[in-house]
């Protein structure tokens, strides 16, 4: 019985942690999630992998913002991302998403 209670508590903790991460994601990231996820490769790289690529880079937000705006391959070998991910994102929305990505651990 004790193990069932502990299992339920652990599962609830994972669900809450996942929900907290989803809440922190920029609301306008919806279209980007068609090709990206936080944890795993979909069509493009996982955002956590992008964050790892730029650890310690003081210009990471600008670099990622520029890449999102221009589109391209960026050395990932996953295909070509269209400019702005094929969306009508504003520079402010793009910067907000880049800040979110850089902040992932």
C-alpha atoms as a PDB file:
ATOM      1  CA  UNK A   1       0.000   0.000   0.000  1.00  0.00           C
ATOM      2  CA  UNK A   2       2.832   2.365   0.909  1.00  0.00           C
ATOM      3  CA  UNK A   3       4.494   1.848  -2.482  1.00  0.00           C
ATOM      4  CA  UNK A   4       1.260   2.752  -4.286  1.00  0.00           C
ATOM      5  CA  UNK A   5       0.977   6.019  -2.360  1.00  0.00           C
ATOM      6  CA  UNK A   6       4.637   6.837  -3.047  1.00  0.00           C
ATOM      7  CA  UNK A   7       4.198   6.023  -6.753  1.00  0.00           C
ATOM      8  CA  UNK A   8       1.170   8.290  -7.007  1.00  0.00           C
ATOM      9  CA  UNK A   9       3.036  11.099  -5.241  1.00  0.00           C
ATOM     10  CA  UNK A  10       6.033  10.758  -7.577  1.00  0.00           C
ATOM     11  CA  UNK A  11       3.800  10.693 -10.671  1.00  0.00           C
ATOM     12  CA  UNK A  12       1.968  13.799  -9.448  1.00  0.00           C
ATOM     13  CA  UNK A  13       5.310  15.533  -8.942  1.00  0.00           C
ATOM     14  CA  UNK A  14       6.361  14.796 -12.518  1.00  0.00           C
ATOM     15  CA  UNK A  15       3.046  16.084 -13.841  1.00  0.00           C
ATOM     16  CA  UNK A  16       3.352  19.292 -11.835  1.00  0.00           C
ATOM     17  CA  UNK A  17       6.948  19.816 -12.995  1.00  0.00           C
ATOM     18  CA  UNK A  18       5.917  19.304 -16.621  1.00  0.00           C
ATOM     19  CA  UNK A  19       3.022  21.707 -16.211  1.00  0.00           C
ATOM     20  CA  UNK A  20       5.289  24.351 -14.709  1.00  0.00           C
ATOM     21  CA  UNK A  21       7.636  24.101 -17.680  1.00  0.00           C
ATOM     22  CA  UNK A  22       4.715  24.373 -20.096  1.00  0.00           C
ATOM     23  CA  UNK A  23       3.448  27.474 -18.286  1.00  0.00           C
ATOM     24  CA  UNK A  24       6.860  29.132 -18.642  1.00  0.00           C
ATOM     25  CA  UNK A  25       6.934  28.477 -22.391  1.00  0.00           C
ATOM     26  CA  UNK A  26       6.062  31.582 -24.393  1.00  0.00           C
ATOM     27  CA  UNK A  27       2.393  31.459 -25.339  1.00  0.00           C
ATOM     28  CA  UNK A  28       3.198  32.292 -28.949  1.00  0.00           C
ATOM     29  CA  UNK A  29       5.531  29.274 -29.364  1.00  0.00           C
ATOM     30  CA  UNK A  30       2.625  27.126 -30.586  1.00  0.00           C
ATOM     31  CA  UNK A  31       3.564  26.981 -34.268  1.00  0.00           C
ATOM     32  CA  UNK A  32       7.204  26.239 -33.399  1.00  0.00           C
ATOM     33  CA  UNK A  33       6.114  23.127 -31.509  1.00  0.00           C
ATOM     34  CA  UNK A  34       5.072  21.545 -34.814  1.00  0.00           C
ATOM     35  CA  UNK A  35       8.780  20.895 -35.470  1.00  0.00           C
ATOM     36  CA  UNK A  36      10.405  21.298 -32.033  1.00  0.00           C
ATOM     37  CA  UNK A  37       9.862  20.080 -28.501  1.00  0.00           C
ATOM     38  CA  UNK A  38      11.643  20.897 -25.295  1.00  0.00           C
ATOM     39  CA  UNK A  39      13.034  17.434 -24.595  1.00  0.00           C
ATOM     40  CA  UNK A  40      13.345  15.500 -27.877  1.00  0.00           C
ATOM     41  CA  UNK A  41      13.993  15.927 -31.588  1.00  0.00           C
ATOM     42  CA  UNK A  42      10.828  16.165 -33.661  1.00  0.00           C
ATOM     43  CA  UNK A  43      11.610  17.557 -37.127  1.00  0.00           C
ATOM     44  CA  UNK A  44      14.170  19.999 -35.763  1.00  0.00           C
ATOM     45  CA  UNK A  45      16.379  19.720 -32.691  1.00  0.00           C
ATOM     46  CA  UNK A  46      15.025  19.684 -29.156  1.00  0.00           C
ATOM     47  CA  UNK A  47      15.208  23.124 -27.588  1.00  0.00           C
ATOM     48  CA  UNK A  48      17.265  21.717 -24.706  1.00  0.00           C
ATOM     49  CA  UNK A  49      19.845  20.558 -27.264  1.00  0.00           C
ATOM     50  CA  UNK A  50      19.901  24.043 -28.777  1.00  0.00           C
ATOM     51  CA  UNK A  51      20.410  25.505 -25.288  1.00  0.00           C
ATOM     52  CA  UNK A  52      23.322  23.097 -24.656  1.00  0.00           C
ATOM     53  CA  UNK A  53      24.962  24.146 -27.923  1.00  0.00           C
ATOM     54  CA  UNK A  54      25.142  27.749 -26.698  1.00  0.00           C
ATOM     55  CA  UNK A  55      26.080  27.249 -23.021  1.00  0.00           C
ATOM     56  CA  UNK A  56      28.544  29.962 -22.045  1.00  0.00           C
ATOM     57  CA  UNK A  57      27.935  32.006 -25.208  1.00  0.00           C
ATOM     58  CA  UNK A  58      27.146  35.557 -24.085  1.00  0.00           C
ATOM     59  CA  UNK A  59      25.511  36.236 -27.462  1.00  0.00           C
ATOM     60  CA  UNK A  60      23.318  33.112 -27.403  1.00  0.00           C
ATOM     61  CA  UNK A  61      19.978  34.946 -27.354  1.00  0.00           C
ATOM     62  CA  UNK A  62      20.995  37.153 -30.295  1.00  0.00           C
ATOM     63  CA  UNK A  63      22.431  34.211 -32.246  1.00  0.00           C
ATOM     64  CA  UNK A  64      19.346  32.054 -31.739  1.00  0.00           C
ATOM     65  CA  UNK A  65      17.054  35.003 -32.504  1.00  0.00           C
ATOM     66  CA  UNK A  66      18.967  35.693 -35.725  1.00  0.00           C
ATOM     67  CA  UNK A  67      18.773  32.017 -36.707  1.00  0.00           C
ATOM     68  CA  UNK A  68      15.030  31.873 -36.075  1.00  0.00           C
ATOM     69  CA  UNK A  69      14.483  35.078 -38.073  1.00  0.00           C
ATOM     70  CA  UNK A  70      16.633  34.046 -41.037  1.00  0.00           C
ATOM     71  CA  UNK A  71      15.922  30.321 -41.120  1.00  0.00           C
ATOM     72  CA  UNK A  72      18.506  27.778 -42.243  1.00  0.00           C
ATOM     73  CA  UNK A  73      20.249  24.545 -41.243  1.00  0.00           C
ATOM     74  CA  UNK A  74      22.577  25.751 -38.464  1.00  0.00           C
ATOM     75  CA  UNK A  75      24.693  22.580 -38.624  1.00  0.00           C
ATOM     76  CA  UNK A  76      21.990  20.277 -37.219  1.00  0.00           C
ATOM     77  CA  UNK A  77      21.519  18.143 -40.366  1.00  0.00           C
ATOM     78  CA  UNK A  78      17.753  18.014 -39.811  1.00  0.00           C
ATOM     79  CA  UNK A  79      16.644  19.893 -42.905  1.00  0.00           C
ATOM     80  CA  UNK A  80      16.090  23.588 -43.467  1.00  0.00           C
ATOM     81  CA  UNK A  81      13.969  25.731 -41.166  1.00  0.00           C
ATOM     82  CA  UNK A  82      12.093  28.444 -43.059  1.00  0.00           C
ATOM     83  CA  UNK A  83      12.544  32.062 -41.944  1.00  0.00           C
ATOM     84  CA  UNK A  84      10.660  32.692 -38.704  1.00  0.00           C
ATOM     85  CA  UNK A  85       9.766  28.999 -38.741  1.00  0.00           C
ATOM     86  CA  UNK A  86       7.240  29.775 -41.462  1.00  0.00           C
ATOM     87  CA  UNK A  87       5.298  32.071 -39.128  1.00  0.00           C
ATOM     88  CA  UNK A  88       4.681  35.824 -38.908  1.00  0.00           C
ATOM     89  CA  UNK A  89       6.521  36.173 -35.591  1.00  0.00           C
ATOM     90  CA  UNK A  90       7.652  39.644 -34.581  1.00  0.00           C
ATOM     91  CA  UNK A  91      11.247  40.329 -33.517  1.00  0.00           C
ATOM     92  CA  UNK A  92       9.990  40.631 -29.920  1.00  0.00           C
ATOM     93  CA  UNK A  93       8.286  37.210 -30.059  1.00  0.00           C
ATOM     94  CA  UNK A  94      11.413  35.680 -31.571  1.00  0.00           C
ATOM     95  CA  UNK A  95      13.622  37.184 -28.857  1.00  0.00           C
ATOM     96  CA  UNK A  96      11.260  35.948 -26.139  1.00  0.00           C
ATOM     97  CA  UNK A  97      11.430  32.416 -27.559  1.00  0.00           C
ATOM     98  CA  UNK A  98      15.239  32.593 -27.829  1.00  0.00           C
ATOM     99  CA  UNK A  99      15.437  33.706 -24.175  1.00  0.00           C
ATOM    100  CA  UNK A 100      13.217  30.786 -23.196  1.00  0.00           C
ATOM    101  CA  UNK A 101      15.418  28.327 -25.123  1.00  0.00           C
ATOM    102  CA  UNK A 102      18.654  29.698 -23.619  1.00  0.00           C
ATOM    103  CA  UNK A 103      17.126  29.391 -20.144  1.00  0.00           C
ATOM    104  CA  UNK A 104      16.465  25.651 -20.485  1.00  0.00           C
ATOM    105  CA  UNK A 105      18.667  23.309 -18.459  1.00  0.00           C
END
